[in-house]
Amino acid sequence: MSTNLNYIKRPSTLKEDAPLLIMCHGYGSDENDLFSFAEELPKELFIISIRAPYQLQPYGNAWYAINFDAVEGKWSNNEQAKASRDVIAQFIDYACNNYPVDKDNITLLGFSQGTILSYSVALTYPEKVKNIVALSGYVNEDILPETLEKSKFSHLDFYCSHGSVDQVIPVDWARKTKPFLDDLNIKNTYSEFPVGHGVAPQNFFELKTWLEKRI
């Protein structure tokens, strides 16, 4: 799989050392989906929204194949997921080498499948990221390293949110996130909103406020 991901970007008002925000969309979507958030986010952020590498028919893209009929843990193509995780990690290096951004101030913002991969990138390559905004996803332990070294995670900070009536990814899966991160001594915030598989306005306002304090 190529590491050349398609993407769109919004430059920062800063000419150098801009905080970088990389957006990872959900299954069946594309780079334009989360990019609609860009105009509402701080102007000093350099924002890049990337398109997942696997094209779906008739339209949309995925980070990995999903079997929607399977039970928890069996429904993901974990080999494809790990490959996409590594591609995102390589893309972070690409962005840092090609744009005037601060490699020590990188945020991943994911939705759904993009969130699942953002967790995996952060816990596999913690040195590459600082903040993670994890919307409507969960931690898939099958695509994490077998050994998680707490000492490498001390700088990480997660904002996690989920819809309490999510019909795609059950909220019970997302509720495991906070205890999981707490156990690794990772800073995290977890919120629920009375919506389905999406981002409520008050959810967006909360994540924006959280982000503004950390960039």
N, C-alpha and C. Protein backbone atom coordinates (compact mmCIF):
# COMPACT_ATOMS: atom_id res chain seq x y z
N MET A 1 0.84 -1.19 0.00
CA MET A 1 0.00 0.00 0.00
C MET A 1 0.88 1.25 0.00
N SER A 2 0.55 2.19 -0.83
CA SER A 2 1.34 3.41 -0.95
C SER A 2 1.19 4.28 0.30
N THR A 3 2.26 5.00 0.62
CA THR A 3 2.16 5.95 1.74
C THR A 3 1.70 7.32 1.25
N ASN A 4 1.48 7.45 -0.06
CA ASN A 4 1.06 8.73 -0.61
C ASN A 4 -0.45 8.88 -0.47
N LEU A 5 -0.88 9.41 0.66
CA LEU A 5 -2.30 9.60 0.88
C LEU A 5 -2.77 10.90 0.26
N ASN A 6 -3.96 10.88 -0.32
CA ASN A 6 -4.56 12.13 -0.77
C ASN A 6 -4.99 12.94 0.44
N TYR A 7 -4.87 14.25 0.34
CA TYR A 7 -5.24 15.08 1.48
C TYR A 7 -5.57 16.51 1.03
N ILE A 8 -6.26 17.22 1.91
CA ILE A 8 -6.49 18.65 1.73
C ILE A 8 -5.97 19.34 2.97
N LYS A 9 -5.62 20.63 2.84
CA LYS A 9 -4.99 21.31 3.97
C LYS A 9 -5.49 22.74 4.13
N ARG A 10 -5.36 23.23 5.34
CA ARG A 10 -5.59 24.64 5.64
C ARG A 10 -4.36 25.15 6.36
N PRO A 11 -3.61 26.05 5.71
CA PRO A 11 -2.39 26.56 6.35
C PRO A 11 -2.70 27.33 7.64
N SER A 12 -1.67 27.44 8.46
CA SER A 12 -1.76 28.17 9.72
C SER A 12 -1.48 29.65 9.50
N THR A 13 -1.90 30.48 10.44
CA THR A 13 -1.52 31.89 10.42
C THR A 13 -0.06 32.04 10.84
N LEU A 14 0.50 31.01 11.47
CA LEU A 14 1.91 31.04 11.86
C LEU A 14 2.78 30.62 10.68
N LYS A 15 3.91 31.29 10.55
CA LYS A 15 4.81 31.00 9.42
C LYS A 15 5.77 29.85 9.72
N GLU A 16 5.91 29.52 10.99
CA GLU A 16 6.76 28.39 11.37
C GLU A 16 6.30 27.81 12.69
N ASP A 17 6.69 26.56 12.92
CA ASP A 17 6.35 25.86 14.17
C ASP A 17 4.87 25.89 14.51
N ALA A 18 4.04 25.75 13.50
CA ALA A 18 2.59 25.73 13.74
C ALA A 18 2.19 24.39 14.35
N PRO A 19 1.24 24.39 15.30
CA PRO A 19 0.69 23.12 15.77
C PRO A 19 -0.05 22.44 14.61
N LEU A 20 0.15 21.15 14.47
CA LEU A 20 -0.43 20.41 13.35
C LEU A 20 -1.59 19.56 13.82
N LEU A 21 -2.69 19.64 13.09
CA LEU A 21 -3.86 18.79 13.34
C LEU A 21 -4.11 17.94 12.11
N ILE A 22 -4.08 16.62 12.28
CA ILE A 22 -4.34 15.69 11.17
C ILE A 22 -5.68 15.00 11.42
N MET A 23 -6.57 15.08 10.43
CA MET A 23 -7.91 14.52 10.55
C MET A 23 -8.01 13.18 9.83
N CYS A 24 -8.62 12.20 10.50
CA CYS A 24 -8.80 10.86 9.93
C CYS A 24 -10.29 10.51 9.94
N HIS A 25 -10.89 10.46 8.77
CA HIS A 25 -12.33 10.28 8.65
C HIS A 25 -12.77 8.85 8.96
N GLY A 26 -14.08 8.65 8.97
CA GLY A 26 -14.65 7.34 9.26
C GLY A 26 -14.86 6.50 8.00
N TYR A 27 -15.31 5.28 8.24
CA TYR A 27 -15.55 4.31 7.16
C TYR A 27 -16.58 4.85 6.17
N GLY A 28 -16.25 4.76 4.88
CA GLY A 28 -17.20 5.15 3.84
C GLY A 28 -17.24 6.64 3.54
N SER A 29 -16.32 7.39 4.13
CA SER A 29 -16.32 8.84 3.94
C SER A 29 -15.07 9.25 3.16
N ASP A 30 -14.71 10.53 3.24
CA ASP A 30 -13.48 10.99 2.59
C ASP A 30 -12.93 12.20 3.34
N GLU A 31 -11.89 12.80 2.76
CA GLU A 31 -11.16 13.87 3.46
C GLU A 31 -11.98 15.15 3.65
N ASN A 32 -13.08 15.29 2.90
CA ASN A 32 -13.89 16.51 3.03
C ASN A 32 -14.78 16.48 4.27
N ASP A 33 -15.04 15.31 4.80
CA ASP A 33 -16.02 15.15 5.87
C ASP A 33 -15.65 15.96 7.11
N LEU A 34 -14.54 15.64 7.75
CA LEU A 34 -14.14 16.34 8.97
C LEU A 34 -13.59 17.73 8.68
N PHE A 35 -13.18 17.97 7.44
CA PHE A 35 -12.57 19.26 7.10
C PHE A 35 -13.57 20.41 7.28
N SER A 36 -14.85 20.07 7.32
CA SER A 36 -15.86 21.10 7.58
C SER A 36 -15.67 21.73 8.96
N PHE A 37 -14.98 21.02 9.87
CA PHE A 37 -14.67 21.59 11.19
C PHE A 37 -13.62 22.69 11.11
N ALA A 38 -12.82 22.68 10.06
CA ALA A 38 -11.59 23.49 10.02
C ALA A 38 -11.84 24.97 10.27
N GLU A 39 -12.87 25.52 9.63
CA GLU A 39 -13.08 26.96 9.73
C GLU A 39 -13.46 27.39 11.15
N GLU A 40 -13.90 26.44 11.98
CA GLU A 40 -14.29 26.76 13.36
C GLU A 40 -13.14 26.55 14.35
N LEU A 41 -12.04 26.01 13.88
CA LEU A 41 -10.93 25.69 14.78
C LEU A 41 -9.88 26.80 14.77
N PRO A 42 -9.04 26.86 15.79
CA PRO A 42 -8.06 27.95 15.92
C PRO A 42 -7.23 28.15 14.65
N LYS A 43 -7.03 29.43 14.32
CA LYS A 43 -6.35 29.79 13.06
C LYS A 43 -4.88 29.40 13.06
N GLU A 44 -4.30 29.25 14.27
CA GLU A 44 -2.87 28.91 14.30
C GLU A 44 -2.62 27.44 13.98
N LEU A 45 -3.67 26.63 13.99
CA LEU A 45 -3.52 25.23 13.62
C LEU A 45 -3.25 25.09 12.12
N PHE A 46 -2.26 24.28 11.79
CA PHE A 46 -2.09 23.82 10.40
C PHE A 46 -2.90 22.53 10.31
N ILE A 47 -3.92 22.52 9.47
CA ILE A 47 -4.85 21.39 9.43
C ILE A 47 -4.70 20.60 8.13
N ILE A 48 -4.55 19.30 8.27
CA ILE A 48 -4.50 18.40 7.12
C ILE A 48 -5.55 17.31 7.32
N SER A 49 -6.40 17.13 6.34
CA SER A 49 -7.40 16.05 6.39
C SER A 49 -7.03 15.02 5.33
N ILE A 50 -6.83 13.78 5.77
CA ILE A 50 -6.32 12.75 4.86
C ILE A 50 -7.42 11.77 4.45
N ARG A 51 -7.25 11.21 3.25
CA ARG A 51 -8.22 10.23 2.72
C ARG A 51 -7.69 8.82 2.94
N ALA A 52 -8.54 7.96 3.46
CA ALA A 52 -8.15 6.57 3.69
C ALA A 52 -7.80 5.88 2.36
N PRO A 53 -6.90 4.89 2.41
CA PRO A 53 -6.33 4.33 1.18
C PRO A 53 -7.20 3.33 0.42
N TYR A 54 -8.19 2.73 1.09
CA TYR A 54 -8.98 1.70 0.40
C TYR A 54 -10.27 2.31 -0.14
N GLN A 55 -10.44 2.22 -1.46
CA GLN A 55 -11.62 2.80 -2.08
C GLN A 55 -12.78 1.81 -2.03
N LEU A 56 -13.94 2.31 -1.64
CA LEU A 56 -15.14 1.48 -1.58
C LEU A 56 -16.00 1.74 -2.80
N GLN A 57 -16.84 0.78 -3.13
CA GLN A 57 -17.78 0.96 -4.24
C GLN A 57 -19.19 1.21 -3.68
N PRO A 58 -19.99 2.13 -4.23
CA PRO A 58 -19.66 2.95 -5.40
C PRO A 58 -18.86 4.20 -5.05
N TYR A 59 -18.76 4.54 -3.77
CA TYR A 59 -18.00 5.74 -3.40
C TYR A 59 -17.56 5.62 -1.94
N GLY A 60 -16.71 6.53 -1.52
CA GLY A 60 -16.21 6.51 -0.15
C GLY A 60 -14.92 5.72 -0.01
N ASN A 61 -14.33 5.80 1.16
CA ASN A 61 -13.04 5.17 1.42
C ASN A 61 -13.02 4.56 2.82
N ALA A 62 -12.09 3.64 3.02
CA ALA A 62 -11.96 2.97 4.32
C ALA A 62 -10.50 2.80 4.67
N TRP A 63 -10.24 2.76 5.97
CA TRP A 63 -8.89 2.47 6.45
C TRP A 63 -8.64 0.97 6.47
N TYR A 64 -9.73 0.21 6.59
CA TYR A 64 -9.64 -1.26 6.54
C TYR A 64 -11.04 -1.81 6.33
N ALA A 65 -11.09 -3.04 5.87
CA ALA A 65 -12.38 -3.68 5.59
C ALA A 65 -13.09 -4.04 6.89
N ILE A 66 -14.41 -3.98 6.85
CA ILE A 66 -15.24 -4.32 8.00
C ILE A 66 -16.28 -5.35 7.56
N ASN A 67 -16.47 -6.35 8.42
CA ASN A 67 -17.56 -7.30 8.22
C ASN A 67 -18.63 -6.97 9.26
N PHE A 68 -19.67 -6.28 8.81
CA PHE A 68 -20.66 -5.76 9.75
C PHE A 68 -21.51 -6.86 10.40
N ASP A 69 -21.42 -8.08 9.90
CA ASP A 69 -22.22 -9.17 10.46
C ASP A 69 -21.52 -9.88 11.61
N ALA A 70 -20.24 -9.58 11.81
CA ALA A 70 -19.46 -10.31 12.81
C ALA A 70 -19.61 -9.70 14.20
N VAL A 71 -19.14 -10.42 15.19
CA VAL A 71 -19.23 -9.94 16.57
C VAL A 71 -18.02 -9.08 16.90
N GLU A 72 -18.06 -8.45 18.07
CA GLU A 72 -16.96 -7.57 18.49
C GLU A 72 -15.62 -8.29 18.40
N GLY A 73 -14.63 -7.59 17.86
CA GLY A 73 -13.29 -8.16 17.78
C GLY A 73 -13.06 -8.97 16.53
N LYS A 74 -14.13 -9.43 15.87
CA LYS A 74 -13.98 -10.27 14.68
C LYS A 74 -14.31 -9.49 13.40
N TRP A 75 -14.80 -8.27 13.58
CA TRP A 75 -15.38 -7.62 12.40
C TRP A 75 -14.38 -6.77 11.63
N SER A 76 -13.17 -6.60 12.17
CA SER A 76 -12.19 -5.74 11.52
C SER A 76 -11.13 -6.57 10.81
N ASN A 77 -10.69 -6.09 9.65
CA ASN A 77 -9.51 -6.68 9.01
C ASN A 77 -8.29 -6.05 9.68
N ASN A 78 -7.79 -6.72 10.71
CA ASN A 78 -6.76 -6.10 11.54
C ASN A 78 -5.43 -5.93 10.82
N GLU A 79 -5.15 -6.78 9.84
CA GLU A 79 -3.90 -6.60 9.09
C GLU A 79 -3.95 -5.31 8.26
N GLN A 80 -5.10 -5.08 7.62
CA GLN A 80 -5.26 -3.82 6.89
C GLN A 80 -5.21 -2.63 7.86
N ALA A 81 -5.81 -2.80 9.03
CA ALA A 81 -5.82 -1.72 10.02
C ALA A 81 -4.41 -1.37 10.46
N LYS A 82 -3.59 -2.39 10.71
CA LYS A 82 -2.20 -2.14 11.12
C LYS A 82 -1.42 -1.45 10.00
N ALA A 83 -1.67 -1.87 8.77
CA ALA A 83 -0.99 -1.25 7.63
C ALA A 83 -1.38 0.23 7.53
N SER A 84 -2.67 0.52 7.70
CA SER A 84 -3.12 1.92 7.65
C SER A 84 -2.57 2.73 8.82
N ARG A 85 -2.49 2.10 9.98
CA ARG A 85 -1.87 2.76 11.14
C ARG A 85 -0.45 3.20 10.80
N ASP A 86 0.31 2.30 10.19
CA ASP A 86 1.70 2.61 9.86
C ASP A 86 1.78 3.70 8.79
N VAL A 87 0.83 3.68 7.87
CA VAL A 87 0.80 4.71 6.82
C VAL A 87 0.53 6.09 7.42
N ILE A 88 -0.38 6.15 8.40
CA ILE A 88 -0.65 7.43 9.06
C ILE A 88 0.60 7.92 9.78
N ALA A 89 1.29 7.00 10.45
CA ALA A 89 2.53 7.37 11.15
C ALA A 89 3.56 7.93 10.17
N GLN A 90 3.67 7.28 9.00
CA GLN A 90 4.61 7.77 7.99
C GLN A 90 4.15 9.11 7.42
N PHE A 91 2.84 9.30 7.33
CA PHE A 91 2.32 10.57 6.83
C PHE A 91 2.66 11.71 7.79
N ILE A 92 2.65 11.43 9.09
CA ILE A 92 3.03 12.46 10.06
C ILE A 92 4.45 12.95 9.77
N ASP A 93 5.36 12.02 9.51
CA ASP A 93 6.74 12.38 9.16
C ASP A 93 6.77 13.22 7.88
N TYR A 94 5.99 12.79 6.90
CA TYR A 94 5.91 13.52 5.63
C TYR A 94 5.46 14.96 5.86
N ALA A 95 4.41 15.13 6.64
CA ALA A 95 3.87 16.47 6.90
C ALA A 95 4.91 17.34 7.62
N CYS A 96 5.59 16.74 8.59
CA CYS A 96 6.60 17.50 9.34
C CYS A 96 7.78 17.92 8.46
N ASN A 97 8.07 17.11 7.48
CA ASN A 97 9.19 17.41 6.58
C ASN A 97 8.82 18.40 5.49
N ASN A 98 7.53 18.54 5.20
CA ASN A 98 7.11 19.35 4.05
C ASN A 98 6.37 20.64 4.39
N TYR A 99 5.98 20.79 5.66
CA TYR A 99 5.22 21.98 6.05
C TYR A 99 5.82 22.58 7.32
N PRO A 100 5.61 23.90 7.52
CA PRO A 100 6.25 24.61 8.66
C PRO A 100 5.54 24.34 9.98
N VAL A 101 5.57 23.09 10.40
CA VAL A 101 4.85 22.68 11.62
C VAL A 101 5.81 22.23 12.71
N ASP A 102 5.29 22.21 13.93
CA ASP A 102 6.06 21.81 15.11
C ASP A 102 5.86 20.31 15.34
N LYS A 103 6.91 19.54 15.13
CA LYS A 103 6.78 18.08 15.24
C LYS A 103 6.48 17.62 16.67
N ASP A 104 6.64 18.52 17.63
CA ASP A 104 6.34 18.17 19.02
C ASP A 104 4.96 18.63 19.46
N ASN A 105 4.17 19.13 18.50
CA ASN A 105 2.82 19.59 18.83
C ASN A 105 1.84 19.11 17.77
N ILE A 106 1.63 17.80 17.77
CA ILE A 106 0.80 17.18 16.73
C ILE A 106 -0.44 16.54 17.37
N THR A 107 -1.58 16.86 16.79
CA THR A 107 -2.86 16.33 17.26
C THR A 107 -3.48 15.47 16.17
N LEU A 108 -3.98 14.30 16.53
CA LEU A 108 -4.79 13.49 15.63
C LEU A 108 -6.25 13.67 16.01
N LEU A 109 -7.10 13.93 15.03
CA LEU A 109 -8.53 14.00 15.26
C LEU A 109 -9.20 12.96 14.39
N GLY A 110 -9.81 11.97 15.02
CA GLY A 110 -10.43 10.89 14.27
C GLY A 110 -11.92 10.80 14.54
N PHE A 111 -12.63 10.22 13.58
CA PHE A 111 -14.03 9.89 13.77
C PHE A 111 -14.23 8.42 13.41
N SER A 112 -14.86 7.66 14.32
CA SER A 112 -15.22 6.28 14.06
C SER A 112 -13.99 5.45 13.70
N GLN A 113 -13.91 4.92 12.49
CA GLN A 113 -12.75 4.11 12.11
C GLN A 113 -11.46 4.94 12.20
N GLY A 114 -11.57 6.22 11.89
CA GLY A 114 -10.41 7.11 12.03
C GLY A 114 -9.96 7.26 13.48
N THR A 115 -10.91 7.17 14.41
CA THR A 115 -10.58 7.21 15.84
C THR A 115 -9.88 5.93 16.27
N ILE A 116 -10.39 4.80 15.82
CA ILE A 116 -9.79 3.51 16.17
C ILE A 116 -8.32 3.49 15.76
N LEU A 117 -8.04 4.04 14.56
CA LEU A 117 -6.65 4.10 14.11
C LEU A 117 -5.86 5.15 14.85
N SER A 118 -6.49 6.26 15.24
CA SER A 118 -5.78 7.30 16.00
C SER A 118 -5.30 6.75 17.34
N TYR A 119 -6.15 5.97 18.01
CA TYR A 119 -5.72 5.30 19.24
C TYR A 119 -4.48 4.43 18.96
N SER A 120 -4.56 3.66 17.88
CA SER A 120 -3.48 2.73 17.57
C SER A 120 -2.18 3.46 17.22
N VAL A 121 -2.29 4.55 16.45
CA VAL A 121 -1.08 5.34 16.12
C VAL A 121 -0.45 5.89 17.40
N ALA A 122 -1.29 6.47 18.26
CA ALA A 122 -0.76 7.10 19.48
C ALA A 122 -0.09 6.10 20.41
N LEU A 123 -0.65 4.89 20.51
CA LEU A 123 -0.11 3.91 21.46
C LEU A 123 1.00 3.05 20.84
N THR A 124 1.13 3.11 19.51
CA THR A 124 2.21 2.39 18.83
C THR A 124 3.40 3.31 18.55
N TYR A 125 3.10 4.56 18.21
CA TYR A 125 4.14 5.56 17.89
C TYR A 125 3.94 6.80 18.77
N PRO A 126 4.00 6.67 20.09
CA PRO A 126 3.67 7.80 20.96
C PRO A 126 4.58 9.01 20.74
N GLU A 127 5.78 8.76 20.25
CA GLU A 127 6.71 9.88 20.05
C GLU A 127 6.27 10.81 18.91
N LYS A 128 5.35 10.35 18.09
CA LYS A 128 4.93 11.14 16.92
C LYS A 128 3.76 12.08 17.19
N VAL A 129 3.05 11.88 18.31
CA VAL A 129 1.85 12.68 18.56
C VAL A 129 1.82 13.20 19.99
N LYS A 130 0.93 14.17 20.21
CA LYS A 130 0.79 14.75 21.55
C LYS A 130 -0.66 14.65 22.04
N ASN A 131 -1.59 15.14 21.22
CA ASN A 131 -3.01 15.13 21.59
C ASN A 131 -3.80 14.25 20.62
N ILE A 132 -4.86 13.63 21.16
CA ILE A 132 -5.74 12.82 20.31
C ILE A 132 -7.17 13.20 20.63
N VAL A 133 -7.92 13.57 19.58
CA VAL A 133 -9.36 13.81 19.70
C VAL A 133 -10.04 12.60 19.09
N ALA A 134 -10.69 11.82 19.94
CA ALA A 134 -11.21 10.51 19.54
C ALA A 134 -12.74 10.53 19.58
N LEU A 135 -13.36 10.70 18.42
CA LEU A 135 -14.81 10.85 18.34
C LEU A 135 -15.45 9.55 17.86
N SER A 136 -16.42 9.04 18.62
CA SER A 136 -17.26 7.91 18.19
C SER A 136 -16.46 6.68 17.76
N GLY A 137 -15.45 6.35 18.57
CA GLY A 137 -14.65 5.16 18.27
C GLY A 137 -14.42 4.34 19.52
N TYR A 138 -13.47 3.42 19.45
CA TYR A 138 -13.11 2.61 20.61
C TYR A 138 -11.69 2.10 20.43
N VAL A 139 -11.11 1.54 21.48
CA VAL A 139 -9.76 0.98 21.41
C VAL A 139 -9.84 -0.47 20.95
N ASN A 140 -9.25 -0.75 19.80
CA ASN A 140 -9.15 -2.13 19.31
C ASN A 140 -7.78 -2.67 19.73
N GLU A 141 -7.77 -3.45 20.80
CA GLU A 141 -6.49 -3.92 21.35
C GLU A 141 -5.74 -4.85 20.40
N ASP A 142 -6.44 -5.40 19.41
CA ASP A 142 -5.80 -6.30 18.45
C ASP A 142 -4.86 -5.59 17.50
N ILE A 143 -4.94 -4.25 17.45
CA ILE A 143 -4.03 -3.52 16.56
C ILE A 143 -3.08 -2.63 17.36
N LEU A 144 -2.87 -3.02 18.63
CA LEU A 144 -1.89 -2.34 19.48
C LEU A 144 -0.68 -3.25 19.67
N PRO A 145 0.45 -2.67 20.05
CA PRO A 145 1.61 -3.52 20.38
C PRO A 145 1.28 -4.46 21.54
N GLU A 146 1.94 -5.60 21.57
CA GLU A 146 1.66 -6.57 22.64
C GLU A 146 2.04 -6.01 24.01
N THR A 147 3.11 -5.23 24.04
CA THR A 147 3.56 -4.62 25.29
C THR A 147 3.41 -3.11 25.20
N LEU A 148 2.69 -2.53 26.13
CA LEU A 148 2.50 -1.07 26.15
C LEU A 148 3.35 -0.50 27.27
N GLU A 149 4.30 0.36 26.91
CA GLU A 149 5.24 0.93 27.89
C GLU A 149 4.71 2.26 28.40
N LYS A 150 4.21 2.24 29.64
CA LYS A 150 3.61 3.44 30.22
C LYS A 150 4.53 4.63 30.18
N SER A 151 5.82 4.38 30.35
CA SER A 151 6.78 5.50 30.44
C SER A 151 6.80 6.35 29.17
N LYS A 152 6.40 5.76 28.05
CA LYS A 152 6.44 6.50 26.78
C LYS A 152 5.17 7.32 26.53
N PHE A 153 4.18 7.17 27.42
CA PHE A 153 2.87 7.79 27.19
C PHE A 153 2.61 9.03 28.04
N SER A 154 3.60 9.44 28.86
CA SER A 154 3.33 10.47 29.86
C SER A 154 2.93 11.81 29.25
N HIS A 155 3.32 12.07 28.00
CA HIS A 155 3.00 13.37 27.37
C HIS A 155 1.66 13.34 26.63
N LEU A 156 1.06 12.17 26.48
CA LEU A 156 -0.17 12.06 25.67
C LEU A 156 -1.38 12.60 26.43
N ASP A 157 -2.35 13.09 25.67
CA ASP A 157 -3.59 13.59 26.24
C ASP A 157 -4.72 13.29 25.27
N PHE A 158 -5.78 12.67 25.76
CA PHE A 158 -6.89 12.24 24.90
C PHE A 158 -8.19 12.96 25.26
N TYR A 159 -8.91 13.39 24.24
CA TYR A 159 -10.30 13.81 24.40
C TYR A 159 -11.16 12.77 23.68
N CYS A 160 -11.99 12.05 24.43
CA CYS A 160 -12.79 10.98 23.86
C CYS A 160 -14.27 11.30 24.04
N SER A 161 -15.07 11.09 23.00
CA SER A 161 -16.51 11.30 23.15
C SER A 161 -17.27 10.28 22.32
N HIS A 162 -18.54 10.09 22.71
CA HIS A 162 -19.36 9.08 22.05
C HIS A 162 -20.83 9.45 22.19
N GLY A 163 -21.62 9.02 21.24
CA GLY A 163 -23.06 9.19 21.33
C GLY A 163 -23.66 8.08 22.18
N SER A 164 -24.52 8.44 23.13
CA SER A 164 -25.07 7.43 24.04
C SER A 164 -26.06 6.50 23.34
N VAL A 165 -26.53 6.90 22.16
CA VAL A 165 -27.43 6.02 21.40
C VAL A 165 -26.82 5.68 20.03
N ASP A 166 -25.48 5.56 20.02
CA ASP A 166 -24.77 5.21 18.78
C ASP A 166 -25.22 3.83 18.30
N GLN A 167 -25.72 3.77 17.06
CA GLN A 167 -26.22 2.52 16.51
C GLN A 167 -25.16 1.78 15.67
N VAL A 168 -23.99 2.38 15.51
CA VAL A 168 -22.92 1.77 14.71
C VAL A 168 -21.86 1.14 15.61
N ILE A 169 -21.32 1.93 16.52
CA ILE A 169 -20.35 1.44 17.50
C ILE A 169 -21.00 1.58 18.88
N PRO A 170 -21.35 0.47 19.53
CA PRO A 170 -22.06 0.54 20.81
C PRO A 170 -21.30 1.38 21.84
N VAL A 171 -22.05 2.18 22.60
CA VAL A 171 -21.42 3.04 23.59
C VAL A 171 -20.68 2.21 24.65
N ASP A 172 -21.10 0.97 24.88
CA ASP A 172 -20.41 0.11 25.84
C ASP A 172 -18.95 -0.11 25.44
N TRP A 173 -18.69 -0.19 24.13
CA TRP A 173 -17.31 -0.36 23.67
C TRP A 173 -16.49 0.88 24.01
N ALA A 174 -17.09 2.06 23.80
CA ALA A 174 -16.39 3.31 24.06
C ALA A 174 -16.16 3.53 25.55
N ARG A 175 -17.06 3.04 26.38
CA ARG A 175 -16.94 3.24 27.83
C ARG A 175 -15.74 2.49 28.42
N LYS A 176 -15.19 1.55 27.68
CA LYS A 176 -14.00 0.84 28.15
C LYS A 176 -12.73 1.70 28.00
N THR A 177 -12.86 2.78 27.23
CA THR A 177 -11.68 3.58 26.90
C THR A 177 -11.06 4.24 28.12
N LYS A 178 -11.87 4.90 28.92
CA LYS A 178 -11.32 5.64 30.06
C LYS A 178 -10.57 4.73 31.03
N PRO A 179 -11.18 3.61 31.48
CA PRO A 179 -10.40 2.72 32.36
C PRO A 179 -9.13 2.20 31.70
N PHE A 180 -9.20 1.96 30.39
CA PHE A 180 -8.02 1.47 29.66
C PHE A 180 -6.90 2.51 29.69
N LEU A 181 -7.24 3.78 29.39
CA LEU A 181 -6.24 4.85 29.40
C LEU A 181 -5.78 5.17 30.81
N ASP A 182 -6.72 5.16 31.76
CA ASP A 182 -6.35 5.41 33.16
C ASP A 182 -5.32 4.39 33.64
N ASP A 183 -5.51 3.15 33.24
CA ASP A 183 -4.60 2.07 33.66
C ASP A 183 -3.18 2.30 33.13
N LEU A 184 -3.08 3.03 32.01
CA LEU A 184 -1.77 3.34 31.42
C LEU A 184 -1.24 4.69 31.91
N ASN A 185 -1.96 5.28 32.88
CA ASN A 185 -1.60 6.61 33.42
C ASN A 185 -1.58 7.68 32.33
N ILE A 186 -2.49 7.56 31.37
CA ILE A 186 -2.57 8.53 30.29
C ILE A 186 -3.67 9.55 30.61
N LYS A 187 -3.35 10.82 30.46
CA LYS A 187 -4.33 11.89 30.67
C LYS A 187 -5.48 11.72 29.67
N ASN A 188 -6.72 11.81 30.15
CA ASN A 188 -7.84 11.66 29.22
C ASN A 188 -9.11 12.26 29.78
N THR A 189 -9.98 12.65 28.86
CA THR A 189 -11.32 13.15 29.18
C THR A 189 -12.30 12.31 28.37
N TYR A 190 -13.39 11.88 28.99
CA TYR A 190 -14.40 11.11 28.27
C TYR A 190 -15.77 11.74 28.47
N SER A 191 -16.47 11.99 27.37
CA SER A 191 -17.81 12.59 27.43
C SER A 191 -18.78 11.80 26.56
N GLU A 192 -20.05 11.81 26.98
CA GLU A 192 -21.11 11.23 26.16
C GLU A 192 -22.17 12.28 25.87
N PHE A 193 -22.78 12.15 24.70
CA PHE A 193 -23.82 13.08 24.28
C PHE A 193 -25.01 12.27 23.77
N PRO A 194 -26.24 12.80 23.93
CA PRO A 194 -27.43 12.03 23.58
C PRO A 194 -27.71 12.01 22.08
N VAL A 195 -26.75 11.47 21.33
CA VAL A 195 -26.89 11.39 19.87
C VAL A 195 -26.49 10.00 19.40
N GLY A 196 -26.66 9.76 18.10
CA GLY A 196 -26.23 8.50 17.49
C GLY A 196 -24.77 8.58 17.07
N HIS A 197 -24.49 8.05 15.88
CA HIS A 197 -23.10 7.99 15.39
C HIS A 197 -22.77 9.31 14.69
N GLY A 198 -22.49 10.31 15.51
CA GLY A 198 -22.20 11.63 14.95
C GLY A 198 -21.69 12.55 16.04
N VAL A 199 -21.45 13.80 15.66
CA VAL A 199 -20.89 14.78 16.59
C VAL A 199 -21.93 15.88 16.83
N ALA A 200 -22.46 15.94 18.05
CA ALA A 200 -23.44 16.96 18.41
C ALA A 200 -22.76 18.32 18.51
N PRO A 201 -23.51 19.41 18.29
CA PRO A 201 -22.91 20.75 18.40
C PRO A 201 -22.20 20.98 19.74
N GLN A 202 -22.82 20.55 20.85
CA GLN A 202 -22.17 20.76 22.15
C GLN A 202 -20.92 19.90 22.28
N ASN A 203 -20.87 18.78 21.60
CA ASN A 203 -19.69 17.92 21.55
C ASN A 203 -18.55 18.66 20.84
N PHE A 204 -18.87 19.28 19.71
CA PHE A 204 -17.86 20.03 18.96
C PHE A 204 -17.33 21.20 19.78
N PHE A 205 -18.23 21.91 20.44
CA PHE A 205 -17.82 23.05 21.26
C PHE A 205 -16.87 22.59 22.37
N GLU A 206 -17.18 21.45 23.00
CA GLU A 206 -16.34 20.95 24.08
C GLU A 206 -14.95 20.54 23.58
N LEU A 207 -14.91 19.84 22.43
CA LEU A 207 -13.61 19.41 21.91
C LEU A 207 -12.78 20.61 21.46
N LYS A 208 -13.46 21.63 20.91
CA LYS A 208 -12.76 22.84 20.48
C LYS A 208 -12.12 23.54 21.67
N THR A 209 -12.88 23.66 22.76
CA THR A 209 -12.36 24.29 23.99
C THR A 209 -11.19 23.49 24.54
N TRP A 210 -11.34 22.17 24.55
CA TRP A 210 -10.26 21.28 25.02
C TRP A 210 -9.01 21.49 24.20
N LEU A 211 -9.17 21.56 22.89
CA LEU A 211 -8.03 21.70 21.97
C LEU A 211 -7.35 23.05 22.14
N GLU A 212 -8.13 24.11 22.27
CA GLU A 212 -7.57 25.45 22.40
C GLU A 212 -6.64 25.56 23.60
N LYS A 213 -6.93 24.81 24.65
CA LYS A 213 -6.09 24.86 25.86
C LYS A 213 -4.79 24.08 25.70
N ARG A 214 -4.69 23.28 24.63
CA ARG A 214 -3.54 22.37 24.51
C ARG A 214 -2.63 22.65 23.33
N ILE A 215 -2.98 23.63 22.53
CA ILE A 215 -2.09 23.91 21.40
C ILE A 215 -1.28 25.19 21.65
